[in-house]
Amino acid sequence: MTTAHTETNYIGVFWWLSGLTILEIAVIYVPMARLIVVILLIGLALSKAVLVAMYFMHLKFERVTLGMIALTPLILCVFLILMLLPDIT
């Protein structure tokens, strides 16, 4: 079974990525706790990575299995950071 791919709006994705980049720069200059700034920056970076993977790497049209393969390193990285957090602080 094949599915037809629709034309991707690359300019729209470009503007979203540009807006998220501007938002990342703005977050740095907002007077908040350092931990909140770090969490916001990580969240914005992950959202940009998802946009790039979905549209420029064409993972939006792939099977669920390939998505799980792409998601596994992210889960392992978060697990590693959380396990090493007591040693860092």
PDB file of N, CA and C in Angstrom:
ATOM      1  N   MET A   1       0.825  -1.175   0.000  1.00  0.00           N
ATOM      2  CA  MET A   1       0.000   0.000   0.000  1.00  0.00           C
ATOM      3  C   MET A   1       0.873   1.244   0.000  1.00  0.00           C
ATOM      4  N   THR A   2       0.696   2.066  -0.962  1.00  0.00           N
ATOM      5  CA  THR A   2       1.446   3.311  -1.001  1.00  0.00           C
ATOM      6  C   THR A   2       0.509   4.475  -0.719  1.00  0.00           C
ATOM      7  N   THR A   3       1.063   5.466  -0.094  1.00  0.00           N
ATOM      8  CA  THR A   3       0.288   6.664   0.182  1.00  0.00           C
ATOM      9  C   THR A   3       0.916   7.827  -0.560  1.00  0.00           C
ATOM     10  N   ALA A   4       0.096   8.720  -1.021  1.00  0.00           N
ATOM     11  CA  ALA A   4       0.592   9.877  -1.756  1.00  0.00           C
ATOM     12  C   ALA A   4       1.139  10.907  -0.773  1.00  0.00           C
ATOM     13  N   HIS A   5       2.290  11.432  -1.091  1.00  0.00           N
ATOM     14  CA  HIS A   5       2.896  12.470  -0.266  1.00  0.00           C
ATOM     15  C   HIS A   5       2.405  13.824  -0.755  1.00  0.00           C
ATOM     16  N   THR A   6       2.079  14.661   0.191  1.00  0.00           N
ATOM     17  CA  THR A   6       1.669  16.004  -0.186  1.00  0.00           C
ATOM     18  C   THR A   6       2.898  16.895  -0.294  1.00  0.00           C
ATOM     19  N   GLU A   7       2.761  17.981  -1.002  1.00  0.00           N
ATOM     20  CA  GLU A   7       3.859  18.936  -1.153  1.00  0.00           C
ATOM     21  C   GLU A   7       4.138  19.612   0.183  1.00  0.00           C
ATOM     22  N   THR A   8       5.372  19.563   0.638  1.00  0.00           N
ATOM     23  CA  THR A   8       5.747  20.144   1.915  1.00  0.00           C
ATOM     24  C   THR A   8       5.999  21.633   1.752  1.00  0.00           C
ATOM     25  N   ASN A   9       5.520  22.405   2.688  1.00  0.00           N
ATOM     26  CA  ASN A   9       5.714  23.845   2.681  1.00  0.00           C
ATOM     27  C   ASN A   9       7.031  24.153   3.396  1.00  0.00           C
ATOM     28  N   TYR A  10       8.135  24.112   2.658  1.00  0.00           N
ATOM     29  CA  TYR A  10       9.456  24.315   3.254  1.00  0.00           C
ATOM     30  C   TYR A  10       9.638  25.743   3.754  1.00  0.00           C
ATOM     31  N   ILE A  11       9.016  26.703   3.102  1.00  0.00           N
ATOM     32  CA  ILE A  11       9.132  28.086   3.553  1.00  0.00           C
ATOM     33  C   ILE A  11       8.434  28.243   4.901  1.00  0.00           C
ATOM     34  N   GLY A  12       7.296  27.587   5.079  1.00  0.00           N
ATOM     35  CA  GLY A  12       6.603  27.628   6.367  1.00  0.00           C
ATOM     36  C   GLY A  12       7.433  27.010   7.477  1.00  0.00           C
ATOM     37  N   VAL A  13       8.080  25.893   7.164  1.00  0.00           N
ATOM     38  CA  VAL A  13       8.948  25.245   8.152  1.00  0.00           C
ATOM     39  C   VAL A  13      10.142  26.150   8.459  1.00  0.00           C
ATOM     40  N   PHE A  14      10.676  26.816   7.455  1.00  0.00           N
ATOM     41  CA  PHE A  14      11.777  27.760   7.668  1.00  0.00           C
ATOM     42  C   PHE A  14      11.361  28.861   8.630  1.00  0.00           C
ATOM     43  N   TRP A  15      10.158  29.426   8.444  1.00  0.00           N
ATOM     44  CA  TRP A  15       9.708  30.512   9.322  1.00  0.00           C
ATOM     45  C   TRP A  15       9.481  30.008  10.733  1.00  0.00           C
ATOM     46  N   TRP A  16       8.967  28.792  10.902  1.00  0.00           N
ATOM     47  CA  TRP A  16       8.818  28.225  12.251  1.00  0.00           C
ATOM     48  C   TRP A  16      10.183  28.063  12.920  1.00  0.00           C
ATOM     49  N   LEU A  17      11.160  27.530  12.176  1.00  0.00           N
ATOM     50  CA  LEU A  17      12.506  27.365  12.737  1.00  0.00           C
ATOM     51  C   LEU A  17      13.136  28.711  13.074  1.00  0.00           C
ATOM     52  N   SER A  18      12.906  29.710  12.233  1.00  0.00           N
ATOM     53  CA  SER A  18      13.430  31.052  12.523  1.00  0.00           C
ATOM     54  C   SER A  18      12.780  31.636  13.765  1.00  0.00           C
ATOM     55  N   GLY A  19      11.469  31.461  13.878  1.00  0.00           N
ATOM     56  CA  GLY A  19      10.762  31.964  15.057  1.00  0.00           C
ATOM     57  C   GLY A  19      11.221  31.291  16.333  1.00  0.00           C
ATOM     58  N   LEU A  20      11.449  29.980  16.272  1.00  0.00           N
ATOM     59  CA  LEU A  20      11.934  29.266  17.456  1.00  0.00           C
ATOM     60  C   LEU A  20      13.351  29.708  17.822  1.00  0.00           C
ATOM     61  N   THR A  21      14.177  29.999  16.829  1.00  0.00           N
ATOM     62  CA  THR A  21      15.529  30.487  17.100  1.00  0.00           C
ATOM     63  C   THR A  21      15.486  31.856  17.774  1.00  0.00           C
ATOM     64  N   ILE A  22      14.622  32.733  17.283  1.00  0.00           N
ATOM     65  CA  ILE A  22      14.470  34.055  17.907  1.00  0.00           C
ATOM     66  C   ILE A  22      13.957  33.905  19.338  1.00  0.00           C
ATOM     67  N   LEU A  23      13.041  32.971  19.536  1.00  0.00           N
ATOM     68  CA  LEU A  23      12.521  32.721  20.883  1.00  0.00           C
ATOM     69  C   LEU A  23      13.611  32.199  21.809  1.00  0.00           C
ATOM     70  N   GLU A  24      14.502  31.346  21.293  1.00  0.00           N
ATOM     71  CA  GLU A  24      15.628  30.861  22.100  1.00  0.00           C
ATOM     72  C   GLU A  24      16.534  32.014  22.527  1.00  0.00           C
ATOM     73  N   ILE A  25      16.815  32.922  21.607  1.00  0.00           N
ATOM     74  CA  ILE A  25      17.654  34.066  21.946  1.00  0.00           C
ATOM     75  C   ILE A  25      16.966  34.945  22.980  1.00  0.00           C
ATOM     76  N   ALA A  26      15.647  35.119  22.843  1.00  0.00           N
ATOM     77  CA  ALA A  26      14.899  35.943  23.795  1.00  0.00           C
ATOM     78  C   ALA A  26      14.872  35.316  25.181  1.00  0.00           C
ATOM     79  N   VAL A  27      14.804  33.984  25.257  1.00  0.00           N
ATOM     80  CA  VAL A  27      14.761  33.296  26.557  1.00  0.00           C
ATOM     81  C   VAL A  27      16.032  33.548  27.351  1.00  0.00           C
ATOM     82  N   ILE A  28      17.152  33.677  26.666  1.00  0.00           N
ATOM     83  CA  ILE A  28      18.425  33.894  27.353  1.00  0.00           C
ATOM     84  C   ILE A  28      18.413  35.212  28.124  1.00  0.00           C
ATOM     85  N   TYR A  29      17.759  36.225  27.574  1.00  0.00           N
ATOM     86  CA  TYR A  29      17.794  37.548  28.184  1.00  0.00           C
ATOM     87  C   TYR A  29      16.663  37.802  29.175  1.00  0.00           C
ATOM     88  N   VAL A  30      15.749  36.861  29.348  1.00  0.00           N
ATOM     89  CA  VAL A  30      14.660  37.030  30.321  1.00  0.00           C
ATOM     90  C   VAL A  30      15.206  36.716  31.714  1.00  0.00           C
ATOM     91  N   PRO A  31      14.959  37.594  32.673  1.00  0.00           N
ATOM     92  CA  PRO A  31      15.486  37.338  34.029  1.00  0.00           C
ATOM     93  C   PRO A  31      14.669  36.264  34.751  1.00  0.00           C
ATOM     94  N   MET A  32      15.107  35.029  34.623  1.00  0.00           N
ATOM     95  CA  MET A  32      14.472  33.881  35.286  1.00  0.00           C
ATOM     96  C   MET A  32      15.559  33.039  35.933  1.00  0.00           C
ATOM     97  N   ALA A  33      15.123  32.059  36.689  1.00  0.00           N
ATOM     98  CA  ALA A  33      16.074  31.130  37.292  1.00  0.00           C
ATOM     99  C   ALA A  33      16.805  30.366  36.182  1.00  0.00           C
ATOM    100  N   ARG A  34      18.051  30.047  36.441  1.00  0.00           N
ATOM    101  CA  ARG A  34      18.881  29.394  35.435  1.00  0.00           C
ATOM    102  C   ARG A  34      18.313  28.039  35.018  1.00  0.00           C
ATOM    103  N   LEU A  35      17.746  27.308  35.954  1.00  0.00           N
ATOM    104  CA  LEU A  35      17.181  25.993  35.642  1.00  0.00           C
ATOM    105  C   LEU A  35      16.001  26.119  34.690  1.00  0.00           C
ATOM    106  N   ILE A  36      15.163  27.112  34.877  1.00  0.00           N
ATOM    107  CA  ILE A  36      14.017  27.319  33.995  1.00  0.00           C
ATOM    108  C   ILE A  36      14.481  27.685  32.591  1.00  0.00           C
ATOM    109  N   VAL A  37      15.507  28.524  32.503  1.00  0.00           N
ATOM    110  CA  VAL A  37      16.053  28.902  31.198  1.00  0.00           C
ATOM    111  C   VAL A  37      16.599  27.673  30.480  1.00  0.00           C
ATOM    112  N   VAL A  38      17.304  26.829  31.190  1.00  0.00           N
ATOM    113  CA  VAL A  38      17.868  25.616  30.591  1.00  0.00           C
ATOM    114  C   VAL A  38      16.758  24.696  30.108  1.00  0.00           C
ATOM    115  N   ILE A  39      15.719  24.514  30.907  1.00  0.00           N
ATOM    116  CA  ILE A  39      14.606  23.644  30.519  1.00  0.00           C
ATOM    117  C   ILE A  39      13.902  24.203  29.282  1.00  0.00           C
ATOM    118  N   LEU A  40      13.691  25.510  29.251  1.00  0.00           N
ATOM    119  CA  LEU A  40      13.063  26.131  28.075  1.00  0.00           C
ATOM    120  C   LEU A  40      13.932  25.972  26.824  1.00  0.00           C
ATOM    121  N   LEU A  41      15.239  26.171  26.975  1.00  0.00           N
ATOM    122  CA  LEU A  41      16.127  26.037  25.820  1.00  0.00           C
ATOM    123  C   LEU A  41      16.161  24.603  25.297  1.00  0.00           C
ATOM    124  N   ILE A  42      16.150  23.635  26.197  1.00  0.00           N
ATOM    125  CA  ILE A  42      16.138  22.234  25.773  1.00  0.00           C
ATOM    126  C   ILE A  42      14.833  21.909  25.060  1.00  0.00           C
ATOM    127  N   GLY A  43      13.721  22.399  25.600  1.00  0.00           N
ATOM    128  CA  GLY A  43      12.429  22.164  24.963  1.00  0.00           C
ATOM    129  C   GLY A  43      12.348  22.786  23.577  1.00  0.00           C
ATOM    130  N   LEU A  44      12.846  24.005  23.434  1.00  0.00           N
ATOM    131  CA  LEU A  44      12.839  24.660  22.128  1.00  0.00           C
ATOM    132  C   LEU A  44      13.764  23.934  21.146  1.00  0.00           C
ATOM    133  N   ALA A  45      14.916  23.484  21.618  1.00  0.00           N
ATOM    134  CA  ALA A  45      15.842  22.750  20.743  1.00  0.00           C
ATOM    135  C   ALA A  45      15.238  21.427  20.294  1.00  0.00           C
ATOM    136  N   LEU A  46      14.535  20.744  21.195  1.00  0.00           N
ATOM    137  CA  LEU A  46      13.883  19.488  20.812  1.00  0.00           C
ATOM    138  C   LEU A  46      12.780  19.728  19.794  1.00  0.00           C
ATOM    139  N   SER A  47      12.035  20.808  19.963  1.00  0.00           N
ATOM    140  CA  SER A  47      10.978  21.091  18.992  1.00  0.00           C
ATOM    141  C   SER A  47      11.561  21.419  17.617  1.00  0.00           C
ATOM    142  N   LYS A  48      12.693  22.118  17.583  1.00  0.00           N
ATOM    143  CA  LYS A  48      13.357  22.380  16.314  1.00  0.00           C
ATOM    144  C   LYS A  48      13.889  21.092  15.693  1.00  0.00           C
ATOM    145  N   ALA A  49      14.431  20.206  16.519  1.00  0.00           N
ATOM    146  CA  ALA A  49      14.944  18.931  16.005  1.00  0.00           C
ATOM    147  C   ALA A  49      13.814  18.084  15.428  1.00  0.00           C
ATOM    148  N   VAL A  50      12.655  18.109  16.071  1.00  0.00           N
ATOM    149  CA  VAL A  50      11.508  17.353  15.562  1.00  0.00           C
ATOM    150  C   VAL A  50      11.050  17.924  14.222  1.00  0.00           C
ATOM    151  N   LEU A  51      11.005  19.240  14.095  1.00  0.00           N
ATOM    152  CA  LEU A  51      10.621  19.848  12.816  1.00  0.00           C
ATOM    153  C   LEU A  51      11.588  19.458  11.698  1.00  0.00           C
ATOM    154  N   VAL A  52      12.879  19.523  11.987  1.00  0.00           N
ATOM    155  CA  VAL A  52      13.879  19.160  10.974  1.00  0.00           C
ATOM    156  C   VAL A  52      13.744  17.694  10.593  1.00  0.00           C
ATOM    157  N   ALA A  53      13.586  16.825  11.579  1.00  0.00           N
ATOM    158  CA  ALA A  53      13.473  15.397  11.298  1.00  0.00           C
ATOM    159  C   ALA A  53      12.193  15.084  10.523  1.00  0.00           C
ATOM    160  N   MET A  54      11.105  15.731  10.879  1.00  0.00           N
ATOM    161  CA  MET A  54       9.840  15.421  10.221  1.00  0.00           C
ATOM    162  C   MET A  54       9.809  15.891   8.770  1.00  0.00           C
ATOM    163  N   TYR A  55      10.302  17.089   8.500  1.00  0.00           N
ATOM    164  CA  TYR A  55      10.133  17.646   7.168  1.00  0.00           C
ATOM    165  C   TYR A  55      11.360  17.527   6.279  1.00  0.00           C
ATOM    166  N   PHE A  56      12.549  17.773   6.795  1.00  0.00           N
ATOM    167  CA  PHE A  56      13.732  17.738   5.950  1.00  0.00           C
ATOM    168  C   PHE A  56      14.318  16.337   5.844  1.00  0.00           C
ATOM    169  N   MET A  57      14.105  15.489   6.847  1.00  0.00           N
ATOM    170  CA  MET A  57      14.560  14.103   6.782  1.00  0.00           C
ATOM    171  C   MET A  57      13.420  13.176   6.375  1.00  0.00           C
ATOM    172  N   HIS A  58      12.244  13.737   6.117  1.00  0.00           N
ATOM    173  CA  HIS A  58      11.058  13.019   5.620  1.00  0.00           C
ATOM    174  C   HIS A  58      10.602  11.898   6.535  1.00  0.00           C
ATOM    175  N   LEU A  59      10.788  12.048   7.830  1.00  0.00           N
ATOM    176  CA  LEU A  59      10.322  11.038   8.777  1.00  0.00           C
ATOM    177  C   LEU A  59       8.824  11.138   9.020  1.00  0.00           C
ATOM    178  N   LYS A  60       8.213  12.211   8.577  1.00  0.00           N
ATOM    179  CA  LYS A  60       6.775  12.375   8.750  1.00  0.00           C
ATOM    180  C   LYS A  60       6.019  11.277   7.995  1.00  0.00           C
ATOM    181  N   PHE A  61       6.588  10.809   6.912  1.00  0.00           N
ATOM    182  CA  PHE A  61       5.915   9.837   6.076  1.00  0.00           C
ATOM    183  C   PHE A  61       6.411   8.408   6.293  1.00  0.00           C
ATOM    184  N   GLU A  62       7.283   8.202   7.252  1.00  0.00           N
ATOM    185  CA  GLU A  62       7.825   6.868   7.499  1.00  0.00           C
ATOM    186  C   GLU A  62       6.934   6.079   8.459  1.00  0.00           C
ATOM    187  N   ARG A  63       7.258   4.839   8.616  1.00  0.00           N
ATOM    188  CA  ARG A  63       6.496   3.969   9.513  1.00  0.00           C
ATOM    189  C   ARG A  63       6.775   4.297  10.969  1.00  0.00           C
ATOM    190  N   VAL A  64       5.933   3.765  11.823  1.00  0.00           N
ATOM    191  CA  VAL A  64       6.071   3.989  13.265  1.00  0.00           C
ATOM    192  C   VAL A  64       7.365   3.370  13.783  1.00  0.00           C
ATOM    193  N   THR A  65       7.781   2.263  13.210  1.00  0.00           N
ATOM    194  CA  THR A  65       9.002   1.590  13.656  1.00  0.00           C
ATOM    195  C   THR A  65      10.217   2.502  13.510  1.00  0.00           C
ATOM    196  N   LEU A  66      10.296   3.202  12.385  1.00  0.00           N
ATOM    197  CA  LEU A  66      11.421   4.102  12.174  1.00  0.00           C
ATOM    198  C   LEU A  66      11.367   5.267  13.162  1.00  0.00           C
ATOM    199  N   GLY A  67      10.173   5.708  13.495  1.00  0.00           N
ATOM    200  CA  GLY A  67      10.021   6.754  14.503  1.00  0.00           C
ATOM    201  C   GLY A  67      10.496   6.291  15.867  1.00  0.00           C
ATOM    202  N   MET A  68      10.202   5.054  16.213  1.00  0.00           N
ATOM    203  CA  MET A  68      10.663   4.507  17.486  1.00  0.00           C
ATOM    204  C   MET A  68      12.190   4.384  17.509  1.00  0.00           C
ATOM    205  N   ILE A  69      12.766   4.028  16.382  1.00  0.00           N
ATOM    206  CA  ILE A  69      14.228   3.943  16.302  1.00  0.00           C
ATOM    207  C   ILE A  69      14.842   5.324  16.505  1.00  0.00           C
ATOM    208  N   ALA A  70      14.210   6.350  15.977  1.00  0.00           N
ATOM    209  CA  ALA A  70      14.719   7.710  16.155  1.00  0.00           C
ATOM    210  C   ALA A  70      14.482   8.217  17.567  1.00  0.00           C
ATOM    211  N   LEU A  71      13.447   7.733  18.240  1.00  0.00           N
ATOM    212  CA  LEU A  71      13.105   8.204  19.582  1.00  0.00           C
ATOM    213  C   LEU A  71      13.944   7.519  20.672  1.00  0.00           C
ATOM    214  N   THR A  72      14.437   6.334  20.411  1.00  0.00           N
ATOM    215  CA  THR A  72      15.187   5.578  21.414  1.00  0.00           C
ATOM    216  C   THR A  72      16.434   6.312  21.924  1.00  0.00           C
ATOM    217  N   PRO A  73      17.289   6.903  21.072  1.00  0.00           N
ATOM    218  CA  PRO A  73      18.455   7.631  21.616  1.00  0.00           C
ATOM    219  C   PRO A  73      18.057   8.811  22.491  1.00  0.00           C
ATOM    220  N   LEU A  74      16.956   9.472  22.157  1.00  0.00           N
ATOM    221  CA  LEU A  74      16.498  10.590  22.972  1.00  0.00           C
ATOM    222  C   LEU A  74      16.120  10.116  24.369  1.00  0.00           C
ATOM    223  N   ILE A  75      15.411   9.017  24.455  1.00  0.00           N
ATOM    224  CA  ILE A  75      15.016   8.469  25.753  1.00  0.00           C
ATOM    225  C   ILE A  75      16.248   8.055  26.556  1.00  0.00           C
ATOM    226  N   LEU A  76      17.203   7.409  25.901  1.00  0.00           N
ATOM    227  CA  LEU A  76      18.426   6.998  26.585  1.00  0.00           C
ATOM    228  C   LEU A  76      19.240   8.203  27.056  1.00  0.00           C
ATOM    229  N   CYS A  77      19.268   9.263  26.270  1.00  0.00           N
ATOM    230  CA  CYS A  77      20.004  10.471  26.655  1.00  0.00           C
ATOM    231  C   CYS A  77      19.373  11.131  27.875  1.00  0.00           C
ATOM    232  N   VAL A  78      18.051  11.231  27.890  1.00  0.00           N
ATOM    233  CA  VAL A  78      17.364  11.828  29.043  1.00  0.00           C
ATOM    234  C   VAL A  78      17.592  10.964  30.285  1.00  0.00           C
ATOM    235  N   PHE A  79      17.524   9.650  30.129  1.00  0.00           N
ATOM    236  CA  PHE A  79      17.766   8.737  31.250  1.00  0.00           C
ATOM    237  C   PHE A  79      19.186   8.923  31.793  1.00  0.00           C
ATOM    238  N   LEU A  80      20.169   9.040  30.899  1.00  0.00           N
ATOM    239  CA  LEU A  80      21.555   9.217  31.319  1.00  0.00           C
ATOM    240  C   LEU A  80      21.741  10.537  32.059  1.00  0.00           C
ATOM    241  N   ILE A  81      21.133  11.597  31.550  1.00  0.00           N
ATOM    242  CA  ILE A  81      21.250  12.902  32.212  1.00  0.00           C
ATOM    243  C   ILE A  81      20.625  12.856  33.601  1.00  0.00           C
ATOM    244  N   LEU A  82      19.468  12.237  33.722  1.00  0.00           N
ATOM    245  CA  LEU A  82      18.804  12.157  35.023  1.00  0.00           C
ATOM    246  C   LEU A  82      19.585  11.297  36.011  1.00  0.00           C
ATOM    247  N   MET A  83      20.246  10.260  35.523  1.00  0.00           N
ATOM    248  CA  MET A  83      21.036   9.414  36.409  1.00  0.00           C
ATOM    249  C   MET A  83      22.323  10.113  36.857  1.00  0.00           C
ATOM    250  N   LEU A  84      22.882  10.964  36.012  1.00  0.00           N
ATOM    251  CA  LEU A  84      24.128  11.651  36.350  1.00  0.00           C
ATOM    252  C   LEU A  84      23.891  12.982  37.052  1.00  0.00           C
ATOM    253  N   LEU A  85      22.654  13.430  37.132  1.00  0.00           N
ATOM    254  CA  LEU A  85      22.344  14.716  37.740  1.00  0.00           C
ATOM    255  C   LEU A  85      22.810  14.819  39.198  1.00  0.00           C
ATOM    256  N   PRO A  86      22.672  13.766  40.038  1.00  0.00           N
ATOM    257  CA  PRO A  86      23.175  13.901  41.420  1.00  0.00           C
ATOM    258  C   PRO A  86      24.693  14.110  41.485  1.00  0.00           C
ATOM    259  N   ASP A  87      25.437  13.563  40.526  1.00  0.00           N
ATOM    260  CA  ASP A  87      26.884  13.763  40.537  1.00  0.00           C
ATOM    261  C   ASP A  87      27.279  15.146  40.071  1.00  0.00           C
ATOM    262  N   ILE A  88      26.453  15.744  39.224  1.00  0.00           N
ATOM    263  CA  ILE A  88      26.760  17.063  38.684  1.00  0.00           C
ATOM    264  C   ILE A  88      26.545  18.144  39.730  1.00  0.00           C
ATOM    265  N   THR A  89      25.467  18.014  40.507  1.00  0.00           N
ATOM    266  CA  THR A  89      25.126  19.073  41.453  1.00  0.00           C
ATOM    267  C   THR A  89      25.878  18.959  42.750  1.00  0.00           C
TER     268      THR A  89
END
